[in-house]
Amino acid sequence: MVLVGTIQLVGPVVRSGTVMSDKLVATNLARELSEEVSIKYFTSPKSGDLEFIGDETESRDLYDDIDDYNGLSNSPPQLSDKSVMTNLAGWRRTVKVEHVELSNPTNATGSYTGLKRVTVTVQKDGTTLATDVTLHAHAADQLGFVIQEP
């Protein structure tokens, strides 16, 4: 009787620890990719490259501006050099890049505003465990910084 009670107590604690460690891994995966995006240009430094989200078909290791990341989805997650994180089978990292209103960055627009919102989402087995949202301003190309949303 005591053994059954102990197992009933320990089972949820072990599962809770696994969920917490998964959330920690997911948070780190989201932040790692957000940091990678943050060091890229707001607009492409290439001459004649138009400001259009989702126009790139080049390999991730050649990404040079924030827009290039729109639509990125890797399962399992990959590093920028295409190294696959093989120990994370069942995990997925996705990126969405949107132009947003200057006065209300929660509202996406269909046109250039000088401000972009980048959302990195990390899932394990289809369940979202972490989302990292950052704002990037055109002025950052000259100043070299990114604003982290709370």
C-alpha atoms as a PDB file:
ATOM      1  CA  MET A   1       0.000   0.000   0.000  1.00  0.00           C
ATOM      2  CA  VAL A   2       2.829   2.421   0.859  1.00  0.00           C
ATOM      3  CA  LEU A   3       4.711   1.518  -2.344  1.00  0.00           C
ATOM      4  CA  VAL A   4       1.669   2.291  -4.514  1.00  0.00           C
ATOM      5  CA  GLY A   5       1.250   5.662  -2.772  1.00  0.00           C
ATOM      6  CA  THR A   6       4.926   6.484  -3.320  1.00  0.00           C
ATOM      7  CA  ILE A   7       4.734   5.601  -7.017  1.00  0.00           C
ATOM      8  CA  GLN A   8       1.634   7.777  -7.385  1.00  0.00           C
ATOM      9  CA  LEU A   9       3.551  10.675  -5.801  1.00  0.00           C
ATOM     10  CA  VAL A  10       6.836  10.177  -7.652  1.00  0.00           C
ATOM     11  CA  GLY A  11       5.310   9.759 -11.146  1.00  0.00           C
ATOM     12  CA  PRO A  12       3.935  13.325 -11.402  1.00  0.00           C
ATOM     13  CA  VAL A  13       7.117  14.790  -9.882  1.00  0.00           C
ATOM     14  CA  VAL A  14       9.284  13.031 -12.481  1.00  0.00           C
ATOM     15  CA  ARG A  15       6.954  14.154 -15.306  1.00  0.00           C
ATOM     16  CA  SER A  16       6.979  17.702 -13.906  1.00  0.00           C
ATOM     17  CA  GLY A  17      10.782  17.701 -13.910  1.00  0.00           C
ATOM     18  CA  THR A  18      10.812  16.513 -17.515  1.00  0.00           C
ATOM     19  CA  VAL A  19       8.354  19.229 -18.554  1.00  0.00           C
ATOM     20  CA  MET A  20      10.457  21.877 -16.825  1.00  0.00           C
ATOM     21  CA  SER A  21      13.674  20.661 -18.436  1.00  0.00           C
ATOM     22  CA  ASP A  22      11.943  20.557 -21.843  1.00  0.00           C
ATOM     23  CA  LYS A  23      10.775  24.157 -21.351  1.00  0.00           C
ATOM     24  CA  LEU A  24      14.306  25.192 -20.428  1.00  0.00           C
ATOM     25  CA  VAL A  25      15.703  23.530 -23.562  1.00  0.00           C
ATOM     26  CA  ALA A  26      12.957  25.159 -25.667  1.00  0.00           C
ATOM     27  CA  THR A  27      13.654  28.600 -24.188  1.00  0.00           C
ATOM     28  CA  ASN A  28      17.355  28.247 -24.931  1.00  0.00           C
ATOM     29  CA  LEU A  29      16.651  27.079 -28.496  1.00  0.00           C
ATOM     30  CA  ALA A  30      14.350  30.061 -29.096  1.00  0.00           C
ATOM     31  CA  ARG A  31      16.813  32.565 -27.662  1.00  0.00           C
ATOM     32  CA  GLU A  32      19.747  31.092 -29.579  1.00  0.00           C
ATOM     33  CA  LEU A  33      17.963  31.576 -32.888  1.00  0.00           C
ATOM     34  CA  SER A  34      16.656  35.026 -31.875  1.00  0.00           C
ATOM     35  CA  GLU A  35      20.229  36.080 -31.106  1.00  0.00           C
ATOM     36  CA  GLU A  36      21.371  34.787 -34.496  1.00  0.00           C
ATOM     37  CA  VAL A  37      18.658  36.854 -36.207  1.00  0.00           C
ATOM     38  CA  SER A  38      19.498  39.951 -34.160  1.00  0.00           C
ATOM     39  CA  ILE A  39      22.987  40.282 -35.636  1.00  0.00           C
ATOM     40  CA  LYS A  40      21.647  40.409 -39.201  1.00  0.00           C
ATOM     41  CA  TYR A  41      20.848  43.565 -41.137  1.00  0.00           C
ATOM     42  CA  PHE A  42      17.312  44.957 -41.081  1.00  0.00           C
ATOM     43  CA  THR A  43      17.422  45.259 -44.858  1.00  0.00           C
ATOM     44  CA  SER A  44      19.636  43.386 -47.250  1.00  0.00           C
ATOM     45  CA  PRO A  45      23.061  44.937 -47.774  1.00  0.00           C
ATOM     46  CA  LYS A  46      23.015  43.588 -51.349  1.00  0.00           C
ATOM     47  CA  SER A  47      22.572  46.228 -53.998  1.00  0.00           C
ATOM     48  CA  GLY A  48      19.190  45.988 -55.686  1.00  0.00           C
ATOM     49  CA  ASP A  49      17.730  43.493 -53.183  1.00  0.00           C
ATOM     50  CA  LEU A  50      14.173  44.703 -52.572  1.00  0.00           C
ATOM     51  CA  GLU A  51      12.614  44.904 -49.111  1.00  0.00           C
ATOM     52  CA  PHE A  52      10.307  41.895 -49.303  1.00  0.00           C
ATOM     53  CA  ILE A  53       9.733  39.413 -46.503  1.00  0.00           C
ATOM     54  CA  GLY A  54      10.159  35.817 -47.553  1.00  0.00           C
ATOM     55  CA  ASP A  55      11.999  36.451 -50.801  1.00  0.00           C
ATOM     56  CA  GLU A  56      15.105  34.397 -50.043  1.00  0.00           C
ATOM     57  CA  THR A  57      15.771  30.892 -51.218  1.00  0.00           C
ATOM     58  CA  GLU A  58      19.428  30.799 -50.263  1.00  0.00           C
ATOM     59  CA  SER A  59      20.940  28.550 -47.630  1.00  0.00           C
ATOM     60  CA  ARG A  60      20.686  29.703 -44.008  1.00  0.00           C
ATOM     61  CA  ASP A  61      24.446  30.056 -43.673  1.00  0.00           C
ATOM     62  CA  LEU A  62      24.189  32.791 -46.343  1.00  0.00           C
ATOM     63  CA  TYR A  63      21.350  34.742 -44.665  1.00  0.00           C
ATOM     64  CA  ASP A  64      22.372  38.380 -44.317  1.00  0.00           C
ATOM     65  CA  ASP A  65      19.166  40.138 -43.263  1.00  0.00           C
ATOM     66  CA  ILE A  66      16.217  39.506 -40.967  1.00  0.00           C
ATOM     67  CA  ASP A  67      13.728  38.804 -43.783  1.00  0.00           C
ATOM     68  CA  ASP A  68      15.709  35.763 -44.851  1.00  0.00           C
ATOM     69  CA  TYR A  69      14.549  33.915 -41.728  1.00  0.00           C
ATOM     70  CA  ASN A  70      10.827  34.220 -42.475  1.00  0.00           C
ATOM     71  CA  GLY A  71       9.374  30.732 -42.872  1.00  0.00           C
ATOM     72  CA  LEU A  72      12.437  28.942 -41.517  1.00  0.00           C
ATOM     73  CA  SER A  73      11.341  25.630 -40.033  1.00  0.00           C
ATOM     74  CA  ASN A  74      13.674  22.846 -38.932  1.00  0.00           C
ATOM     75  CA  SER A  75      12.869  19.531 -37.310  1.00  0.00           C
ATOM     76  CA  PRO A  76      15.017  18.600 -35.584  1.00  0.00           C
ATOM     77  CA  PRO A  77      16.476  22.082 -35.025  1.00  0.00           C
ATOM     78  CA  GLN A  78      19.626  23.009 -36.927  1.00  0.00           C
ATOM     79  CA  LEU A  79      22.489  25.391 -36.360  1.00  0.00           C
ATOM     80  CA  SER A  80      23.288  28.055 -38.959  1.00  0.00           C
ATOM     81  CA  ASP A  81      25.954  25.816 -40.497  1.00  0.00           C
ATOM     82  CA  LYS A  82      23.248  23.172 -41.152  1.00  0.00           C
ATOM     83  CA  SER A  83      24.437  20.940 -38.303  1.00  0.00           C
ATOM     84  CA  VAL A  84      21.415  18.958 -37.140  1.00  0.00           C
ATOM     85  CA  MET A  85      20.774  18.663 -33.403  1.00  0.00           C
ATOM     86  CA  THR A  86      20.182  14.922 -33.656  1.00  0.00           C
ATOM     87  CA  ASN A  87      19.458  14.543 -29.940  1.00  0.00           C
ATOM     88  CA  LEU A  88      16.316  16.685 -30.425  1.00  0.00           C
ATOM     89  CA  ALA A  89      14.185  14.394 -32.575  1.00  0.00           C
ATOM     90  CA  GLY A  90      10.543  15.481 -32.343  1.00  0.00           C
ATOM     91  CA  TRP A  91      11.504  19.132 -31.785  1.00  0.00           C
ATOM     92  CA  ARG A  92      10.807  21.942 -34.287  1.00  0.00           C
ATOM     93  CA  ARG A  93      11.930  25.578 -34.495  1.00  0.00           C
ATOM     94  CA  THR A  94      10.035  28.024 -36.704  1.00  0.00           C
ATOM     95  CA  VAL A  95      10.469  31.720 -37.509  1.00  0.00           C
ATOM     96  CA  LYS A  96       7.931  34.300 -38.602  1.00  0.00           C
ATOM     97  CA  VAL A  97       8.988  37.823 -39.675  1.00  0.00           C
ATOM     98  CA  GLU A  98       6.382  40.566 -40.040  1.00  0.00           C
ATOM     99  CA  HIS A  99       6.284  44.309 -40.599  1.00  0.00           C
ATOM    100  CA  VAL A 100       4.431  45.858 -37.653  1.00  0.00           C
ATOM    101  CA  GLU A 101       2.923  49.212 -36.761  1.00  0.00           C
ATOM    102  CA  LEU A 102       5.284  51.628 -35.038  1.00  0.00           C
ATOM    103  CA  SER A 103       2.563  52.765 -32.641  1.00  0.00           C
ATOM    104  CA  ASN A 104       1.378  49.233 -31.843  1.00  0.00           C
ATOM    105  CA  PRO A 105       3.887  46.469 -32.633  1.00  0.00           C
ATOM    106  CA  THR A 106       1.316  43.776 -31.853  1.00  0.00           C
ATOM    107  CA  ASN A 107      -0.411  44.691 -35.136  1.00  0.00           C
ATOM    108  CA  ALA A 108       1.142  43.292 -38.300  1.00  0.00           C
ATOM    109  CA  THR A 109       0.971  45.311 -41.506  1.00  0.00           C
ATOM    110  CA  GLY A 110       1.404  44.274 -45.091  1.00  0.00           C
ATOM    111  CA  SER A 111       3.832  47.046 -45.897  1.00  0.00           C
ATOM    112  CA  TYR A 112       7.147  48.552 -44.835  1.00  0.00           C
ATOM    113  CA  THR A 113       7.018  50.504 -41.554  1.00  0.00           C
ATOM    114  CA  GLY A 114      10.641  50.502 -40.426  1.00  0.00           C
ATOM    115  CA  LEU A 115       9.835  47.997 -37.664  1.00  0.00           C
ATOM    116  CA  LYS A 116       9.744  44.191 -37.848  1.00  0.00           C
ATOM    117  CA  ARG A 117       8.587  41.605 -35.331  1.00  0.00           C
ATOM    118  CA  VAL A 118      10.414  38.274 -35.325  1.00  0.00           C
ATOM    119  CA  THR A 119       8.695  35.363 -33.602  1.00  0.00           C
ATOM    120  CA  VAL A 120      10.689  32.195 -32.917  1.00  0.00           C
ATOM    121  CA  THR A 121       8.570  29.262 -31.786  1.00  0.00           C
ATOM    122  CA  VAL A 122       9.882  25.970 -30.399  1.00  0.00           C
ATOM    123  CA  GLN A 123       7.727  22.850 -30.266  1.00  0.00           C
ATOM    124  CA  LYS A 124       8.248  19.342 -29.023  1.00  0.00           C
ATOM    125  CA  ASP A 125       5.981  16.666 -30.456  1.00  0.00           C
ATOM    126  CA  GLY A 126       3.625  19.405 -31.714  1.00  0.00           C
ATOM    127  CA  THR A 127       3.300  21.194 -28.362  1.00  0.00           C
ATOM    128  CA  THR A 128       4.612  24.769 -28.170  1.00  0.00           C
ATOM    129  CA  LEU A 129       7.043  25.059 -25.252  1.00  0.00           C
ATOM    130  CA  ALA A 130       8.652  28.451 -25.949  1.00  0.00           C
ATOM    131  CA  THR A 131       8.091  31.557 -28.015  1.00  0.00           C
ATOM    132  CA  ASP A 132      10.593  34.403 -28.262  1.00  0.00           C
ATOM    133  CA  VAL A 133       9.437  37.684 -29.807  1.00  0.00           C
ATOM    134  CA  THR A 134      11.848  40.464 -30.732  1.00  0.00           C
ATOM    135  CA  LEU A 135      11.405  43.817 -32.452  1.00  0.00           C
ATOM    136  CA  HIS A 136      13.913  45.095 -34.974  1.00  0.00           C
ATOM    137  CA  ALA A 137      14.071  48.682 -36.206  1.00  0.00           C
ATOM    138  CA  HIS A 138      15.563  49.998 -39.434  1.00  0.00           C
ATOM    139  CA  ALA A 139      17.697  52.338 -37.315  1.00  0.00           C
ATOM    140  CA  ALA A 140      19.370  49.259 -35.807  1.00  0.00           C
ATOM    141  CA  ASP A 141      21.398  48.849 -38.996  1.00  0.00           C
ATOM    142  CA  GLN A 142      23.202  52.018 -37.997  1.00  0.00           C
ATOM    143  CA  LEU A 143      23.007  51.620 -34.195  1.00  0.00           C
ATOM    144  CA  GLY A 144      23.477  47.865 -33.871  1.00  0.00           C
ATOM    145  CA  PHE A 145      20.867  46.816 -31.338  1.00  0.00           C
ATOM    146  CA  VAL A 146      17.617  44.858 -31.010  1.00  0.00           C
ATOM    147  CA  ILE A 147      14.675  45.406 -28.624  1.00  0.00           C
ATOM    148  CA  GLN A 148      13.457  42.344 -26.668  1.00  0.00           C
ATOM    149  CA  GLU A 149       9.712  42.264 -25.956  1.00  0.00           C
ATOM    150  CA  PRO A 150       8.814  41.256 -22.380  1.00  0.00           C
END
